[in-house]
Amino acid sequence: MLSSVLLISILATMLYISRSIRKPIDSFSDTIEKISVTKDLTIRSKVMSSNEIGIMANSFNTMIGEIQGVLQGAINSSDQVSKSADTMLEAMQKTSSYIEQQQVDNRNISDSISNIINATTDVAKDAGEAESMSQEANSITAKQGELTTNSIAEVRQLASEIKKTAHVISELEQESVNISLVLNL
């Protein structure tokens, strides 16, 4: 009879110990599953004891907090990159517009120079002395025309590069948005 009571006491004690160990483990496991399903990094595990399971739950909470901080930092950085890309794209578009206007102005200058050359040539035909001065003016304006033509070519090349850069920035902005979407998951 005493052995039966002792056996029942031992079984009751083992059941109590088993439940006291299992309850924190089940709680910790439930927390991990909730985080896995919901992707909510604000969920924390309840620390029910100061034993190894409690220490593990506390360390897990710290780790989840650090991961949450890193992800928030990445999201903030992605937002800053997106805003910077928008600003750069706007600046590039303004620059491209300015360069296009410069090209139009340079063409007008080139046309004006051509008209001056033609007028100078006509005057040179009428007078011998004017012919000498006209040849000198033609030489100078030809050099200016060449410089203008070279400038136009360089400006066109720069405009082309800026358009390519604006396209790359636009692609980077889209990638930044995609990264934000992935990180928000």
Protein backbone atom coordinates (compact mmCIF):
# COMPACT_ATOMS: atom_id res chain seq x y z
CA MET A 1 0.00 0.00 0.00
CA LEU A 2 2.84 2.34 0.91
CA SER A 3 4.54 1.48 -2.34
CA SER A 4 1.36 2.34 -4.25
CA VAL A 5 1.17 5.72 -2.55
CA LEU A 6 4.86 6.27 -3.23
CA LEU A 7 4.40 5.27 -6.87
CA ILE A 8 1.42 7.63 -7.25
CA SER A 9 3.42 10.45 -5.60
CA ILE A 10 6.34 9.86 -7.94
CA LEU A 11 4.03 9.80 -10.98
CA ALA A 12 2.26 12.97 -9.83
CA THR A 13 5.62 14.69 -9.28
CA MET A 14 6.84 13.58 -12.72
CA LEU A 15 3.60 14.80 -14.32
CA TYR A 16 3.97 18.18 -12.56
CA ILE A 17 7.62 18.52 -13.62
CA SER A 18 6.78 17.44 -17.17
CA ARG A 19 4.01 20.06 -17.44
CA SER A 20 6.16 22.79 -15.90
CA ILE A 21 8.85 22.10 -18.53
CA ARG A 22 6.46 21.59 -21.41
CA LYS A 23 4.38 24.76 -20.87
CA PRO A 24 7.27 27.22 -21.55
CA ILE A 25 8.47 25.09 -24.48
CA ASP A 26 4.96 25.06 -25.99
CA SER A 27 4.66 28.83 -25.48
CA PHE A 28 8.07 29.41 -27.11
CA SER A 29 7.16 27.10 -29.99
CA ASP A 30 3.81 28.89 -30.49
CA THR A 31 5.59 32.25 -30.64
CA ILE A 32 8.04 31.00 -33.29
CA GLU A 33 5.16 29.59 -35.35
CA LYS A 34 3.18 32.87 -35.10
CA ILE A 35 6.17 34.86 -36.30
CA SER A 36 6.75 32.38 -39.13
CA VAL A 37 3.13 32.53 -40.29
CA THR A 38 2.42 36.25 -39.83
CA LYS A 39 5.92 37.61 -40.57
CA ASP A 40 5.24 40.02 -37.66
CA LEU A 41 8.57 40.77 -35.99
CA THR A 42 6.87 42.67 -33.14
CA ILE A 43 5.69 39.40 -31.56
CA ARG A 44 7.79 38.36 -28.57
CA SER A 45 7.99 35.13 -26.61
CA LYS A 46 6.82 35.18 -22.98
CA VAL A 47 9.73 34.49 -20.66
CA MET A 48 8.17 32.19 -18.05
CA SER A 49 11.27 31.16 -16.14
CA SER A 50 14.93 31.92 -15.64
CA ASN A 51 16.14 28.43 -16.58
CA GLU A 52 17.61 27.41 -19.92
CA ILE A 53 14.25 27.69 -21.69
CA GLY A 54 13.73 31.20 -20.28
CA ILE A 55 17.24 32.22 -21.31
CA MET A 56 16.60 30.82 -24.79
CA ALA A 57 13.27 32.70 -25.06
CA ASN A 58 14.93 35.93 -23.89
CA SER A 59 17.78 35.49 -26.41
CA PHE A 60 15.25 34.77 -29.14
CA ASN A 61 13.36 37.98 -28.30
CA THR A 62 16.61 39.94 -28.47
CA MET A 63 17.50 38.37 -31.83
CA ILE A 64 14.05 39.11 -33.30
CA GLY A 65 14.37 42.71 -32.08
CA GLU A 66 17.74 43.08 -33.79
CA ILE A 67 16.42 41.54 -37.03
CA GLN A 68 13.47 43.92 -36.88
CA GLY A 69 15.89 46.86 -36.47
CA VAL A 70 18.04 45.73 -39.39
CA LEU A 71 15.00 45.33 -41.66
CA GLN A 72 13.68 48.74 -40.67
CA GLY A 73 17.09 50.24 -41.43
CA ALA A 74 17.08 48.56 -44.84
CA ILE A 75 13.59 49.89 -45.55
CA ASN A 76 14.65 53.40 -44.52
CA SER A 77 17.77 53.18 -46.69
CA SER A 78 15.71 51.95 -49.62
CA ASP A 79 13.32 54.89 -49.20
CA GLN A 80 16.27 57.31 -49.13
CA VAL A 81 17.74 55.75 -52.28
CA SER A 82 14.37 56.03 -54.00
CA LYS A 83 14.05 59.71 -53.04
CA SER A 84 17.61 60.40 -54.17
CA ALA A 85 16.94 58.63 -57.47
CA ASP A 86 13.84 60.79 -57.97
CA THR A 87 15.84 63.93 -57.27
CA MET A 88 18.63 62.87 -59.63
CA LEU A 89 16.14 61.95 -62.35
CA GLU A 90 14.50 65.37 -62.07
CA ALA A 91 17.90 67.09 -62.23
CA MET A 92 18.91 64.98 -65.23
CA GLN A 93 15.68 65.85 -67.03
CA LYS A 94 16.24 69.55 -66.38
CA THR A 95 19.83 69.25 -67.56
CA SER A 96 18.73 67.39 -70.68
CA SER A 97 16.18 70.11 -71.43
CA TYR A 98 18.85 72.79 -70.92
CA ILE A 99 21.25 70.97 -73.24
CA GLU A 100 18.57 70.65 -75.91
CA GLN A 101 17.95 74.41 -75.67
CA GLN A 102 21.70 75.00 -75.93
CA GLN A 103 21.77 72.88 -79.08
CA VAL A 104 18.99 75.00 -80.61
CA ASP A 105 20.86 78.18 -79.62
CA ASN A 106 24.10 76.82 -81.09
CA ARG A 107 22.34 75.96 -84.36
CA ASN A 108 20.94 79.49 -84.50
CA ILE A 109 24.41 80.91 -83.86
CA SER A 110 25.85 78.66 -86.55
CA ASP A 111 23.17 79.79 -89.01
CA SER A 112 23.89 83.40 -88.11
CA ILE A 113 27.60 82.86 -88.65
CA SER A 114 26.89 81.27 -92.03
CA ASN A 115 24.77 84.28 -92.98
CA ILE A 116 27.58 86.61 -91.91
CA ILE A 117 30.07 84.64 -94.01
CA ASN A 118 27.79 84.90 -97.04
CA ALA A 119 27.31 88.63 -96.58
CA THR A 120 31.03 89.15 -96.09
CA THR A 121 31.77 87.22 -99.27
CA ASP A 122 29.34 89.43 -101.25
CA VAL A 123 30.98 92.61 -99.96
CA ALA A 124 34.43 91.22 -100.78
CA LYS A 125 33.45 90.78 -104.42
CA ASP A 126 32.64 94.50 -104.70
CA ALA A 127 35.87 95.96 -103.35
CA GLY A 128 39.51 94.89 -103.42
CA GLU A 129 40.32 96.27 -100.01
CA ALA A 130 37.15 94.81 -98.57
CA GLU A 131 38.17 91.48 -100.12
CA SER A 132 41.33 91.37 -98.02
CA MET A 133 39.42 92.16 -94.83
CA SER A 134 36.71 89.72 -95.82
CA GLN A 135 39.22 86.88 -96.21
CA GLU A 136 40.53 87.57 -92.73
CA ALA A 137 36.96 87.61 -91.35
CA ASN A 138 36.19 84.36 -93.18
CA SER A 139 39.21 82.73 -91.61
CA ILE A 140 38.14 83.83 -88.13
CA THR A 141 34.51 82.87 -88.60
CA ALA A 142 35.48 79.49 -90.08
CA LYS A 143 37.43 78.75 -86.92
CA GLN A 144 34.45 79.85 -84.84
CA GLY A 145 32.14 77.72 -87.00
CA GLU A 146 34.41 74.73 -86.45
CA LEU A 147 34.45 75.38 -82.72
CA THR A 148 30.68 75.73 -82.74
CA THR A 149 30.27 72.52 -84.73
CA ASN A 150 32.58 70.70 -82.32
CA SER A 151 30.66 72.16 -79.38
CA ILE A 152 27.37 71.00 -80.87
CA ALA A 153 28.73 67.48 -81.36
CA GLU A 154 30.01 67.38 -77.77
CA VAL A 155 26.72 68.71 -76.39
CA ARG A 156 24.79 66.08 -78.38
CA GLN A 157 27.05 63.34 -77.06
CA LEU A 158 26.61 64.65 -73.50
CA ALA A 159 22.81 64.73 -73.96
CA SER A 160 22.88 61.13 -75.14
CA GLU A 161 24.91 60.06 -72.10
CA ILE A 162 22.56 61.94 -69.78
CA LYS A 163 19.55 60.20 -71.30
CA LYS A 164 21.25 56.84 -70.80
CA THR A 165 22.07 57.76 -67.19
CA ALA A 166 18.46 58.87 -66.59
CA HIS A 167 17.30 55.49 -67.90
CA VAL A 168 19.70 53.64 -65.56
CA ILE A 169 18.50 55.76 -62.63
CA SER A 170 14.90 54.95 -63.54
CA GLU A 171 15.78 51.24 -63.50
CA LEU A 172 17.51 51.67 -60.12
CA GLU A 173 14.41 53.38 -58.78
CA GLN A 174 12.28 50.44 -59.91
CA GLU A 175 14.73 48.00 -58.29
CA SER A 176 14.58 50.07 -55.09
CA VAL A 177 10.78 49.86 -55.12
CA ASN A 178 11.03 46.08 -55.68
CA ILE A 179 13.48 45.77 -52.76
CA SER A 180 11.10 47.78 -50.55
CA LEU A 181 8.25 45.47 -51.51
CA VAL A 182 10.35 42.41 -50.68
CA LEU A 183 11.53 43.88 -47.41
CA ASN A 184 7.98 44.85 -46.41
CA LEU A 185 6.99 41.21 -46.74
